């Protein structure tokens, strides 16, 4: 999951359905597996991952507008 998220991080339209398609599983299976491993829904996992990456960019010295664009 994290490899797909990293690969498609710049895709702002990435959705849970897209993530499930990339992993070749159904949305329901993705939900069950992610929930059992992380206690987060796939949507929450995606949102938290993006927020962590944004925070890392800000700590690295990128401006807010550069971070938002990335």
C-alpha atoms as a PDB file:
ATOM      1  CA  UNK A   1       0.000   0.000   0.000  1.00  0.00           C
ATOM      2  CA  UNK A   2       2.729   2.445   0.940  1.00  0.00           C
ATOM      3  CA  UNK A   3       4.621   1.755  -2.293  1.00  0.00           C
ATOM      4  CA  UNK A   4       1.540   2.679  -4.330  1.00  0.00           C
ATOM      5  CA  UNK A   5       0.955   5.766  -2.179  1.00  0.00           C
ATOM      6  CA  UNK A   6       4.557   6.879  -2.655  1.00  0.00           C
ATOM      7  CA  UNK A   7       4.403   6.263  -6.397  1.00  0.00           C
ATOM      8  CA  UNK A   8       1.178   8.231  -6.823  1.00  0.00           C
ATOM      9  CA  UNK A   9       1.613  10.847  -4.104  1.00  0.00           C
ATOM     10  CA  UNK A  10       1.485  13.709  -6.611  1.00  0.00           C
ATOM     11  CA  UNK A  11      -1.862  12.470  -7.971  1.00  0.00           C
ATOM     12  CA  UNK A  12      -4.366  14.635  -6.093  1.00  0.00           C
ATOM     13  CA  UNK A  13      -7.266  12.644  -7.529  1.00  0.00           C
ATOM     14  CA  UNK A  14      -6.031   9.356  -6.033  1.00  0.00           C
ATOM     15  CA  UNK A  15      -9.000   7.726  -4.325  1.00  0.00           C
ATOM     16  CA  UNK A  16      -9.609   4.568  -2.355  1.00  0.00           C
ATOM     17  CA  UNK A  17     -11.064   2.990  -5.504  1.00  0.00           C
ATOM     18  CA  UNK A  18      -7.867   3.827  -7.427  1.00  0.00           C
ATOM     19  CA  UNK A  19      -5.786   2.380  -4.611  1.00  0.00           C
ATOM     20  CA  UNK A  20      -7.817  -0.838  -4.632  1.00  0.00           C
ATOM     21  CA  UNK A  21      -7.451  -1.105  -8.415  1.00  0.00           C
ATOM     22  CA  UNK A  22      -3.688  -0.594  -8.198  1.00  0.00           C
ATOM     23  CA  UNK A  23      -3.455  -3.370  -5.616  1.00  0.00           C
ATOM     24  CA  UNK A  24      -5.796  -5.650  -7.602  1.00  0.00           C
ATOM     25  CA  UNK A  25      -8.236  -6.114  -4.737  1.00  0.00           C
ATOM     26  CA  UNK A  26     -11.816  -5.067  -4.181  1.00  0.00           C
ATOM     27  CA  UNK A  27     -12.596  -1.964  -2.185  1.00  0.00           C
ATOM     28  CA  UNK A  28     -14.110  -4.132   0.556  1.00  0.00           C
ATOM     29  CA  UNK A  29     -11.013  -6.360   0.767  1.00  0.00           C
ATOM     30  CA  UNK A  30      -8.758  -3.303   0.881  1.00  0.00           C
ATOM     31  CA  UNK A  31     -10.857  -1.859   3.693  1.00  0.00           C
ATOM     32  CA  UNK A  32     -10.725  -5.071   5.743  1.00  0.00           C
ATOM     33  CA  UNK A  33      -6.979  -5.602   5.287  1.00  0.00           C
ATOM     34  CA  UNK A  34      -5.973  -1.995   5.955  1.00  0.00           C
ATOM     35  CA  UNK A  35      -8.301  -1.774   8.943  1.00  0.00           C
ATOM     36  CA  UNK A  36      -6.939  -4.994  10.449  1.00  0.00           C
ATOM     37  CA  UNK A  37      -3.325  -3.849  10.087  1.00  0.00           C
ATOM     38  CA  UNK A  38      -3.567  -0.145  10.922  1.00  0.00           C
ATOM     39  CA  UNK A  39      -6.905   0.413  12.675  1.00  0.00           C
ATOM     40  CA  UNK A  40      -7.528   3.124  10.046  1.00  0.00           C
ATOM     41  CA  UNK A  41      -9.826   3.155   7.054  1.00  0.00           C
ATOM     42  CA  UNK A  42      -8.070   3.359   3.669  1.00  0.00           C
ATOM     43  CA  UNK A  43      -9.318   6.942   3.315  1.00  0.00           C
ATOM     44  CA  UNK A  44      -7.830   7.918   6.695  1.00  0.00           C
ATOM     45  CA  UNK A  45      -4.593   6.111   5.861  1.00  0.00           C
ATOM     46  CA  UNK A  46      -4.317   8.043   2.583  1.00  0.00           C
ATOM     47  CA  UNK A  47      -5.038  11.362   4.303  1.00  0.00           C
ATOM     48  CA  UNK A  48      -2.529  10.743   7.113  1.00  0.00           C
ATOM     49  CA  UNK A  49       0.143   9.639   4.656  1.00  0.00           C
ATOM     50  CA  UNK A  50      -0.277  12.822   2.630  1.00  0.00           C
ATOM     51  CA  UNK A  51      -0.189  14.951   5.772  1.00  0.00           C
ATOM     52  CA  UNK A  52       3.009  13.261   6.979  1.00  0.00           C
ATOM     53  CA  UNK A  53       4.669  13.775   3.607  1.00  0.00           C
ATOM     54  CA  UNK A  54       3.585  17.427   3.586  1.00  0.00           C
ATOM     55  CA  UNK A  55       4.988  17.945   7.081  1.00  0.00           C
ATOM     56  CA  UNK A  56       8.270  16.379   5.993  1.00  0.00           C
ATOM     57  CA  UNK A  57       8.484  18.760   3.038  1.00  0.00           C
ATOM     58  CA  UNK A  58       7.840  21.742   5.321  1.00  0.00           C
ATOM     59  CA  UNK A  59      10.556  20.558   7.727  1.00  0.00           C
ATOM     60  CA  UNK A  60      12.910  20.178   4.753  1.00  0.00           C
ATOM     61  CA  UNK A  61      12.534  23.882   4.031  1.00  0.00           C
ATOM     62  CA  UNK A  62       9.954  23.965   1.250  1.00  0.00           C
ATOM     63  CA  UNK A  63       7.487  26.838   1.363  1.00  0.00           C
ATOM     64  CA  UNK A  64       3.820  26.241   2.029  1.00  0.00           C
ATOM     65  CA  UNK A  65       2.899  26.893  -1.614  1.00  0.00           C
ATOM     66  CA  UNK A  66       5.605  24.513  -2.868  1.00  0.00           C
ATOM     67  CA  UNK A  67       4.426  21.849  -0.427  1.00  0.00           C
ATOM     68  CA  UNK A  68       0.802  22.289  -1.468  1.00  0.00           C
ATOM     69  CA  UNK A  69       1.771  21.992  -5.134  1.00  0.00           C
ATOM     70  CA  UNK A  70       3.690  18.774  -4.482  1.00  0.00           C
END
